Amino acid sequence: MKRQVITPEPRPSATEFSLRLSSTGRGARLARTLAVQQLTEWCGIPYDSDSARTVALITAELASNAITHGHLPGRDFRLTLLLLPQAVRIEVTDTRPDRLPPQPPPGPVPTGAGSGRGLLLIDAYANRWGCTVRDACTKTVWAEVKLSQSYGDGGGRR
C-alpha cells in the first residue's frame, strides 16, 4: 500500500489546467470528462486507453469524495491537472481541511457496505497519492498516474 502524505509538499513545476466546479454529481461527471479531454489534448492519449481510464476513475473518486465529505453549502471544489514529465497529477481541492481522508482499510470492504471503496481504488491505481493542507480553509487530495512512454514524448509537453 502506498503511503499517504499529509504534510505540505511543494507543487512541481508543470503545465497546468485548473477550474472550479459545482459540488454536485454533475460537477463530478464534468471533472472526469474534462480530465480525460485535457490528457488527450496534452499527450494525444486515446480516450479508451488504460491511462485515460485510470485518470477518469481517480478523478471521479476524488471529486466524489470532495462532494460527499468535503463540501460546505454554497462552496465549489477545484480540479487541477498538472502535466509532469512522466505523469499527470490530479488534484481536487475542497473546503473541509478538518476532514482529512483516512488511510484505506487494511482488508476488503465488508460485503454490503455502501461506501469505503474509493480510497482503495485510488491506492490501487495511483502511483502516489496524498493530502495537502495549505491553509485554514481548504485541503487538496492528489494522485499521480504515470503515463506510458508510447504517448507523445512520454508525458512531456507537446
N, C-alpha and C. Protein backbone atom coordinates (compact mmCIF):
# COMPACT_ATOMS: atom_id res chain seq x y z
N MET A 1 0.84 -1.16 0.00
CA MET A 1 0.00 0.00 0.00
C MET A 1 0.89 1.24 0.00
N LYS A 2 0.61 2.22 -0.87
CA LYS A 2 1.39 3.44 -0.93
C LYS A 2 1.12 4.29 0.29
N ARG A 3 2.10 5.03 0.73
CA ARG A 3 1.96 5.84 1.93
C ARG A 3 1.24 7.14 1.62
N GLN A 4 0.34 7.51 2.48
CA GLN A 4 -0.41 8.76 2.34
C GLN A 4 0.41 9.89 2.95
N VAL A 5 0.52 11.01 2.25
CA VAL A 5 1.27 12.15 2.72
C VAL A 5 0.29 13.21 3.21
N ILE A 6 0.47 13.69 4.43
CA ILE A 6 -0.43 14.71 4.96
C ILE A 6 0.36 15.96 5.34
N THR A 7 1.58 16.09 4.89
CA THR A 7 2.36 17.28 5.15
C THR A 7 2.46 18.08 3.86
N PRO A 8 2.58 19.41 3.98
CA PRO A 8 2.70 20.21 2.76
C PRO A 8 3.89 19.75 1.93
N GLU A 9 3.68 19.75 0.66
CA GLU A 9 4.75 19.35 -0.25
C GLU A 9 4.74 20.35 -1.40
N PRO A 10 5.90 20.80 -1.87
CA PRO A 10 5.91 21.78 -2.96
C PRO A 10 5.28 21.21 -4.22
N ARG A 11 4.52 22.05 -4.91
CA ARG A 11 3.92 21.60 -6.16
C ARG A 11 4.99 21.64 -7.24
N PRO A 12 5.06 20.60 -8.05
CA PRO A 12 6.06 20.57 -9.11
C PRO A 12 5.72 21.59 -10.20
N SER A 13 6.76 22.08 -10.87
CA SER A 13 6.55 22.98 -11.99
C SER A 13 6.05 22.15 -13.18
N ALA A 14 4.93 22.58 -13.76
CA ALA A 14 4.34 21.78 -14.83
C ALA A 14 3.31 22.59 -15.59
N THR A 15 2.88 22.05 -16.73
CA THR A 15 1.75 22.59 -17.45
C THR A 15 0.52 22.33 -16.59
N GLU A 16 -0.37 23.33 -16.49
CA GLU A 16 -1.47 23.23 -15.54
C GLU A 16 -2.82 23.56 -16.18
N PHE A 17 -3.85 22.83 -15.74
CA PHE A 17 -5.24 23.07 -16.09
C PHE A 17 -6.01 23.11 -14.78
N SER A 18 -6.78 24.17 -14.53
CA SER A 18 -7.47 24.27 -13.25
C SER A 18 -8.80 25.01 -13.43
N LEU A 19 -9.84 24.50 -12.75
CA LEU A 19 -11.12 25.19 -12.75
C LEU A 19 -11.96 24.77 -11.56
N ARG A 20 -12.89 25.64 -11.19
CA ARG A 20 -13.84 25.34 -10.12
C ARG A 20 -15.07 24.70 -10.71
N LEU A 21 -15.60 23.73 -9.98
CA LEU A 21 -16.80 23.02 -10.42
C LEU A 21 -17.78 22.95 -9.27
N SER A 22 -19.06 22.85 -9.59
CA SER A 22 -20.08 22.78 -8.56
C SER A 22 -19.96 21.47 -7.78
N SER A 23 -20.23 21.54 -6.50
CA SER A 23 -20.15 20.35 -5.63
C SER A 23 -21.43 19.53 -5.76
N THR A 24 -21.60 19.00 -6.98
CA THR A 24 -22.78 18.18 -7.31
C THR A 24 -22.32 16.99 -8.13
N GLY A 25 -23.22 16.05 -8.34
CA GLY A 25 -22.92 14.92 -9.22
C GLY A 25 -22.53 15.39 -10.61
N ARG A 26 -23.19 16.43 -11.08
CA ARG A 26 -22.87 16.97 -12.41
C ARG A 26 -21.43 17.51 -12.43
N GLY A 27 -21.02 18.18 -11.35
CA GLY A 27 -19.65 18.69 -11.26
C GLY A 27 -18.64 17.56 -11.29
N ALA A 28 -18.93 16.46 -10.60
CA ALA A 28 -18.03 15.30 -10.59
C ALA A 28 -17.93 14.68 -11.98
N ARG A 29 -19.07 14.52 -12.66
CA ARG A 29 -19.04 13.96 -14.03
C ARG A 29 -18.25 14.85 -14.97
N LEU A 30 -18.44 16.17 -14.84
CA LEU A 30 -17.71 17.11 -15.68
C LEU A 30 -16.21 17.05 -15.39
N ALA A 31 -15.83 16.93 -14.13
CA ALA A 31 -14.42 16.81 -13.76
C ALA A 31 -13.79 15.61 -14.45
N ARG A 32 -14.47 14.46 -14.41
CA ARG A 32 -13.96 13.24 -15.03
C ARG A 32 -13.78 13.43 -16.54
N THR A 33 -14.79 13.98 -17.17
CA THR A 33 -14.75 14.20 -18.63
C THR A 33 -13.63 15.17 -19.02
N LEU A 34 -13.54 16.28 -18.29
CA LEU A 34 -12.53 17.29 -18.61
C LEU A 34 -11.11 16.78 -18.37
N ALA A 35 -10.92 15.95 -17.35
CA ALA A 35 -9.59 15.40 -17.08
C ALA A 35 -9.11 14.54 -18.25
N VAL A 36 -9.98 13.69 -18.76
CA VAL A 36 -9.60 12.83 -19.89
C VAL A 36 -9.40 13.67 -21.15
N GLN A 37 -10.27 14.65 -21.36
CA GLN A 37 -10.15 15.52 -22.53
C GLN A 37 -8.82 16.29 -22.48
N GLN A 38 -8.44 16.80 -21.32
CA GLN A 38 -7.20 17.55 -21.20
C GLN A 38 -5.99 16.64 -21.40
N LEU A 39 -6.05 15.44 -20.86
CA LEU A 39 -4.97 14.47 -21.04
C LEU A 39 -4.78 14.15 -22.53
N THR A 40 -5.89 13.98 -23.22
CA THR A 40 -5.84 13.70 -24.66
C THR A 40 -5.23 14.88 -25.42
N GLU A 41 -5.63 16.10 -25.03
CA GLU A 41 -5.10 17.29 -25.70
C GLU A 41 -3.60 17.45 -25.45
N TRP A 42 -3.17 17.24 -24.23
CA TRP A 42 -1.76 17.40 -23.89
C TRP A 42 -0.88 16.33 -24.52
N CYS A 43 -1.32 15.08 -24.48
CA CYS A 43 -0.44 13.95 -24.82
C CYS A 43 -0.87 13.12 -26.01
N GLY A 44 -2.07 13.35 -26.52
CA GLY A 44 -2.57 12.52 -27.61
C GLY A 44 -2.99 11.14 -27.15
N ILE A 45 -3.23 10.96 -25.87
CA ILE A 45 -3.63 9.66 -25.33
C ILE A 45 -5.08 9.39 -25.71
N PRO A 46 -5.37 8.25 -26.32
CA PRO A 46 -6.75 7.94 -26.72
C PRO A 46 -7.69 7.84 -25.52
N TYR A 47 -8.94 8.23 -25.73
CA TYR A 47 -9.96 8.20 -24.68
C TYR A 47 -10.15 6.79 -24.10
N ASP A 48 -9.96 5.77 -24.93
CA ASP A 48 -10.22 4.40 -24.47
C ASP A 48 -8.96 3.67 -24.00
N SER A 49 -7.87 4.41 -23.77
CA SER A 49 -6.62 3.79 -23.31
C SER A 49 -6.69 3.52 -21.80
N ASP A 50 -5.80 2.65 -21.33
CA ASP A 50 -5.72 2.37 -19.90
C ASP A 50 -5.39 3.63 -19.10
N SER A 51 -4.48 4.45 -19.62
CA SER A 51 -4.11 5.69 -18.91
C SER A 51 -5.31 6.61 -18.77
N ALA A 52 -6.08 6.78 -19.84
CA ALA A 52 -7.25 7.65 -19.79
C ALA A 52 -8.30 7.10 -18.83
N ARG A 53 -8.51 5.79 -18.84
CA ARG A 53 -9.49 5.19 -17.92
C ARG A 53 -9.04 5.33 -16.47
N THR A 54 -7.74 5.21 -16.22
CA THR A 54 -7.22 5.37 -14.87
C THR A 54 -7.40 6.80 -14.39
N VAL A 55 -7.07 7.76 -15.24
CA VAL A 55 -7.27 9.17 -14.87
C VAL A 55 -8.74 9.46 -14.63
N ALA A 56 -9.62 8.92 -15.46
CA ALA A 56 -11.06 9.13 -15.28
C ALA A 56 -11.53 8.56 -13.94
N LEU A 57 -11.11 7.35 -13.62
CA LEU A 57 -11.52 6.70 -12.37
C LEU A 57 -11.04 7.48 -11.16
N ILE A 58 -9.77 7.86 -11.15
CA ILE A 58 -9.21 8.58 -10.00
C ILE A 58 -9.86 9.95 -9.86
N THR A 59 -10.05 10.65 -10.98
CA THR A 59 -10.69 11.96 -10.92
C THR A 59 -12.11 11.84 -10.37
N ALA A 60 -12.86 10.84 -10.84
CA ALA A 60 -14.22 10.64 -10.37
C ALA A 60 -14.25 10.36 -8.87
N GLU A 61 -13.34 9.52 -8.38
CA GLU A 61 -13.31 9.20 -6.94
C GLU A 61 -12.92 10.41 -6.10
N LEU A 62 -11.91 11.15 -6.53
CA LEU A 62 -11.50 12.34 -5.78
C LEU A 62 -12.61 13.39 -5.75
N ALA A 63 -13.26 13.59 -6.89
CA ALA A 63 -14.36 14.57 -6.95
C ALA A 63 -15.54 14.12 -6.09
N SER A 64 -15.87 12.85 -6.17
CA SER A 64 -16.97 12.31 -5.37
C SER A 64 -16.69 12.47 -3.89
N ASN A 65 -15.47 12.18 -3.47
CA ASN A 65 -15.10 12.36 -2.07
C ASN A 65 -15.19 13.81 -1.64
N ALA A 66 -14.76 14.72 -2.51
CA ALA A 66 -14.85 16.15 -2.19
C ALA A 66 -16.30 16.58 -2.00
N ILE A 67 -17.17 16.07 -2.83
CA ILE A 67 -18.59 16.42 -2.76
C ILE A 67 -19.24 15.79 -1.53
N THR A 68 -18.89 14.54 -1.25
CA THR A 68 -19.52 13.81 -0.15
C THR A 68 -18.97 14.23 1.21
N HIS A 69 -17.65 14.38 1.32
CA HIS A 69 -17.03 14.58 2.62
C HIS A 69 -16.42 15.96 2.81
N GLY A 70 -16.21 16.71 1.75
CA GLY A 70 -15.50 17.99 1.87
C GLY A 70 -16.33 19.19 1.49
N HIS A 71 -17.62 19.01 1.39
CA HIS A 71 -18.50 20.06 0.87
C HIS A 71 -19.09 20.91 2.00
N LEU A 72 -19.07 22.21 1.81
CA LEU A 72 -19.82 23.13 2.64
C LEU A 72 -20.86 23.78 1.72
N PRO A 73 -22.07 24.03 2.21
CA PRO A 73 -23.12 24.63 1.36
C PRO A 73 -22.63 25.91 0.68
N GLY A 74 -22.89 25.99 -0.62
CA GLY A 74 -22.52 27.16 -1.41
C GLY A 74 -21.08 27.21 -1.85
N ARG A 75 -20.29 26.18 -1.55
CA ARG A 75 -18.88 26.18 -1.92
C ARG A 75 -18.61 25.12 -2.99
N ASP A 76 -17.77 25.46 -3.95
CA ASP A 76 -17.41 24.57 -5.04
C ASP A 76 -16.16 23.77 -4.67
N PHE A 77 -15.75 22.88 -5.57
CA PHE A 77 -14.45 22.23 -5.44
C PHE A 77 -13.62 22.62 -6.66
N ARG A 78 -12.32 22.48 -6.55
CA ARG A 78 -11.41 22.82 -7.65
C ARG A 78 -10.73 21.57 -8.15
N LEU A 79 -10.73 21.41 -9.47
CA LEU A 79 -9.98 20.36 -10.15
C LEU A 79 -8.75 21.00 -10.76
N THR A 80 -7.59 20.43 -10.47
CA THR A 80 -6.35 20.90 -11.08
C THR A 80 -5.62 19.68 -11.65
N LEU A 81 -5.17 19.80 -12.88
CA LEU A 81 -4.35 18.77 -13.52
C LEU A 81 -2.99 19.38 -13.81
N LEU A 82 -1.95 18.64 -13.47
CA LEU A 82 -0.59 19.08 -13.75
C LEU A 82 0.08 18.02 -14.62
N LEU A 83 0.59 18.45 -15.76
CA LEU A 83 1.32 17.52 -16.63
C LEU A 83 2.78 17.55 -16.22
N LEU A 84 3.24 16.45 -15.67
CA LEU A 84 4.61 16.30 -15.23
C LEU A 84 5.40 15.58 -16.33
N PRO A 85 6.72 15.53 -16.24
CA PRO A 85 7.49 14.88 -17.31
C PRO A 85 7.09 13.43 -17.59
N GLN A 86 6.72 12.64 -16.60
CA GLN A 86 6.38 11.24 -16.81
C GLN A 86 5.01 10.87 -16.28
N ALA A 87 4.22 11.85 -15.83
CA ALA A 87 2.96 11.54 -15.16
C ALA A 87 1.99 12.71 -15.27
N VAL A 88 0.77 12.44 -14.86
CA VAL A 88 -0.21 13.50 -14.69
C VAL A 88 -0.60 13.49 -13.22
N ARG A 89 -0.70 14.67 -12.64
CA ARG A 89 -1.10 14.80 -11.23
C ARG A 89 -2.51 15.38 -11.21
N ILE A 90 -3.41 14.70 -10.52
CA ILE A 90 -4.80 15.11 -10.38
C ILE A 90 -4.96 15.64 -8.96
N GLU A 91 -5.43 16.88 -8.85
CA GLU A 91 -5.65 17.47 -7.54
C GLU A 91 -7.10 17.90 -7.43
N VAL A 92 -7.74 17.59 -6.32
CA VAL A 92 -9.09 18.06 -6.05
C VAL A 92 -9.04 18.77 -4.70
N THR A 93 -9.41 20.04 -4.71
CA THR A 93 -9.38 20.88 -3.52
C THR A 93 -10.80 21.14 -3.06
N ASP A 94 -11.05 20.89 -1.76
CA ASP A 94 -12.38 21.14 -1.20
C ASP A 94 -12.27 22.08 -0.01
N THR A 95 -13.39 22.36 0.62
CA THR A 95 -13.46 23.38 1.66
C THR A 95 -13.54 22.82 3.07
N ARG A 96 -13.08 21.60 3.28
CA ARG A 96 -13.12 20.99 4.60
C ARG A 96 -11.73 20.47 5.00
N PRO A 97 -10.80 21.38 5.38
CA PRO A 97 -9.48 20.91 5.78
C PRO A 97 -9.51 20.09 7.07
N ASP A 98 -10.60 20.18 7.81
CA ASP A 98 -10.72 19.42 9.06
C ASP A 98 -11.07 17.96 8.81
N ARG A 99 -11.46 17.61 7.59
CA ARG A 99 -11.82 16.23 7.26
C ARG A 99 -10.78 15.63 6.33
N LEU A 100 -9.71 15.13 6.92
CA LEU A 100 -8.66 14.51 6.12
C LEU A 100 -9.07 13.10 5.74
N PRO A 101 -8.67 12.65 4.54
CA PRO A 101 -9.03 11.29 4.15
C PRO A 101 -8.33 10.27 5.03
N PRO A 102 -9.03 9.24 5.44
CA PRO A 102 -8.39 8.20 6.25
C PRO A 102 -7.51 7.31 5.39
N GLN A 103 -6.65 6.55 6.05
CA GLN A 103 -5.91 5.52 5.32
C GLN A 103 -6.93 4.51 4.82
N PRO A 104 -6.71 3.93 3.64
CA PRO A 104 -7.63 2.88 3.18
C PRO A 104 -7.65 1.74 4.18
N PRO A 105 -8.80 1.08 4.33
CA PRO A 105 -8.86 -0.05 5.26
C PRO A 105 -7.87 -1.13 4.86
N PRO A 106 -7.29 -1.83 5.85
CA PRO A 106 -6.26 -2.82 5.54
C PRO A 106 -6.78 -4.05 4.81
N GLY A 107 -8.03 -4.38 4.95
CA GLY A 107 -8.59 -5.56 4.31
C GLY A 107 -9.70 -5.20 3.36
N PRO A 108 -10.42 -6.18 2.90
CA PRO A 108 -11.52 -5.91 1.98
C PRO A 108 -12.66 -5.16 2.69
N VAL A 109 -13.36 -4.36 1.92
CA VAL A 109 -14.54 -3.65 2.44
C VAL A 109 -15.63 -4.69 2.65
N PRO A 110 -16.34 -4.65 3.79
CA PRO A 110 -17.38 -5.65 4.03
C PRO A 110 -18.43 -5.67 2.93
N THR A 111 -18.88 -6.86 2.59
CA THR A 111 -19.94 -7.01 1.59
C THR A 111 -21.16 -6.25 2.06
N GLY A 112 -21.78 -5.52 1.17
CA GLY A 112 -22.97 -4.75 1.51
C GLY A 112 -22.68 -3.34 1.99
N ALA A 113 -21.40 -2.99 2.20
CA ALA A 113 -21.07 -1.63 2.62
C ALA A 113 -21.39 -0.69 1.47
N GLY A 114 -22.05 0.41 1.78
CA GLY A 114 -22.46 1.37 0.75
C GLY A 114 -21.35 2.26 0.27
N SER A 115 -20.26 2.33 1.01
CA SER A 115 -19.15 3.18 0.61
C SER A 115 -17.86 2.59 1.18
N GLY A 116 -16.74 3.29 0.95
CA GLY A 116 -15.48 2.83 1.51
C GLY A 116 -14.52 2.23 0.52
N ARG A 117 -14.89 2.21 -0.75
CA ARG A 117 -14.01 1.61 -1.75
C ARG A 117 -13.19 2.64 -2.53
N GLY A 118 -13.56 3.90 -2.45
CA GLY A 118 -12.91 4.93 -3.25
C GLY A 118 -11.43 5.05 -2.99
N LEU A 119 -11.04 5.13 -1.72
CA LEU A 119 -9.61 5.24 -1.41
C LEU A 119 -8.85 3.98 -1.75
N LEU A 120 -9.51 2.83 -1.67
CA LEU A 120 -8.86 1.59 -2.10
C LEU A 120 -8.57 1.64 -3.60
N LEU A 121 -9.51 2.15 -4.38
CA LEU A 121 -9.30 2.28 -5.83
C LEU A 121 -8.16 3.26 -6.12
N ILE A 122 -8.18 4.40 -5.44
CA ILE A 122 -7.12 5.38 -5.66
C ILE A 122 -5.77 4.78 -5.29
N ASP A 123 -5.71 4.10 -4.16
CA ASP A 123 -4.46 3.48 -3.73
C ASP A 123 -3.99 2.42 -4.73
N ALA A 124 -4.92 1.69 -5.31
CA ALA A 124 -4.57 0.63 -6.26
C ALA A 124 -4.12 1.18 -7.61
N TYR A 125 -4.72 2.26 -8.07
CA TYR A 125 -4.45 2.74 -9.44
C TYR A 125 -3.44 3.88 -9.52
N ALA A 126 -3.31 4.68 -8.47
CA ALA A 126 -2.36 5.79 -8.50
C ALA A 126 -0.97 5.30 -8.16
N ASN A 127 0.04 5.93 -8.73
CA ASN A 127 1.41 5.60 -8.39
C ASN A 127 1.80 6.23 -7.05
N ARG A 128 1.22 7.39 -6.78
CA ARG A 128 1.40 8.09 -5.50
C ARG A 128 0.13 8.87 -5.24
N TRP A 129 -0.22 9.05 -3.97
CA TRP A 129 -1.33 9.92 -3.64
C TRP A 129 -1.19 10.41 -2.21
N GLY A 130 -1.90 11.47 -1.90
CA GLY A 130 -1.82 12.01 -0.55
C GLY A 130 -2.74 13.19 -0.39
N CYS A 131 -2.56 13.88 0.72
CA CYS A 131 -3.40 15.02 1.06
C CYS A 131 -2.50 16.14 1.55
N THR A 132 -2.77 17.35 1.10
CA THR A 132 -2.00 18.52 1.50
C THR A 132 -2.96 19.58 2.01
N VAL A 133 -2.68 20.12 3.19
CA VAL A 133 -3.46 21.25 3.72
C VAL A 133 -2.54 22.46 3.66
N ARG A 134 -2.91 23.43 2.83
CA ARG A 134 -2.06 24.61 2.63
C ARG A 134 -2.54 25.82 3.41
N ASP A 135 -3.82 25.82 3.81
CA ASP A 135 -4.36 26.96 4.54
C ASP A 135 -5.49 26.48 5.45
N ALA A 136 -6.11 27.41 6.17
CA ALA A 136 -7.16 27.04 7.14
C ALA A 136 -8.51 26.79 6.49
N CYS A 137 -8.64 27.02 5.20
CA CYS A 137 -9.94 26.93 4.54
C CYS A 137 -10.08 25.77 3.56
N THR A 138 -8.97 25.17 3.13
CA THR A 138 -9.05 24.13 2.10
C THR A 138 -8.07 22.99 2.36
N LYS A 139 -8.34 21.88 1.70
CA LYS A 139 -7.37 20.78 1.63
C LYS A 139 -7.38 20.28 0.19
N THR A 140 -6.29 19.71 -0.23
CA THR A 140 -6.16 19.17 -1.56
C THR A 140 -5.77 17.70 -1.45
N VAL A 141 -6.58 16.84 -2.04
CA VAL A 141 -6.24 15.43 -2.16
C VAL A 141 -5.75 15.24 -3.59
N TRP A 142 -4.60 14.61 -3.73
CA TRP A 142 -3.97 14.49 -5.04
C TRP A 142 -3.55 13.05 -5.31
N ALA A 143 -3.40 12.77 -6.60
CA ALA A 143 -2.93 11.45 -7.03
C ALA A 143 -2.12 11.64 -8.31
N GLU A 144 -1.08 10.84 -8.46
CA GLU A 144 -0.26 10.88 -9.67
C GLU A 144 -0.36 9.56 -10.41
N VAL A 145 -0.49 9.66 -11.73
CA VAL A 145 -0.59 8.50 -12.60
C VAL A 145 0.54 8.59 -13.62
N LYS A 146 1.42 7.60 -13.63
CA LYS A 146 2.49 7.57 -14.62
C LYS A 146 1.89 7.31 -15.99
N LEU A 147 2.46 7.96 -16.98
CA LEU A 147 1.99 7.81 -18.36
C LEU A 147 2.95 6.94 -19.13
N SER A 148 2.41 6.18 -20.06
CA SER A 148 3.20 5.28 -20.88
C SER A 148 4.17 6.06 -21.76
N GLN A 149 5.35 5.52 -21.96
CA GLN A 149 6.34 6.14 -22.84
C GLN A 149 5.86 6.19 -24.28
N SER A 150 4.87 5.40 -24.62
CA SER A 150 4.44 5.33 -26.02
C SER A 150 3.58 6.51 -26.45
N TYR A 151 3.17 7.36 -25.52
CA TYR A 151 2.35 8.51 -25.87
C TYR A 151 3.21 9.75 -25.96
N GLY A 152 3.07 10.46 -27.08
CA GLY A 152 3.78 11.72 -27.24
C GLY A 152 5.25 11.53 -26.92
N ASP A 153 5.76 12.34 -25.99
CA ASP A 153 7.15 12.20 -25.57
C ASP A 153 7.23 11.63 -24.17
N GLY A 154 6.34 10.68 -23.85
CA GLY A 154 6.37 10.04 -22.55
C GLY A 154 5.69 10.85 -21.48
N GLY A 155 4.77 11.73 -21.88
CA GLY A 155 4.06 12.53 -20.90
C GLY A 155 4.59 13.95 -20.79
N GLY A 156 5.62 14.25 -21.56
CA GLY A 156 6.15 15.61 -21.53
C GLY A 156 5.29 16.55 -22.35
N ARG A 157 5.68 17.80 -22.35
CA ARG A 157 4.91 18.78 -23.11
C ARG A 157 5.05 18.52 -24.61
N ARG A 158 3.97 18.75 -25.31
CA ARG A 158 3.98 18.58 -26.76
C ARG A 158 4.35 19.86 -27.42
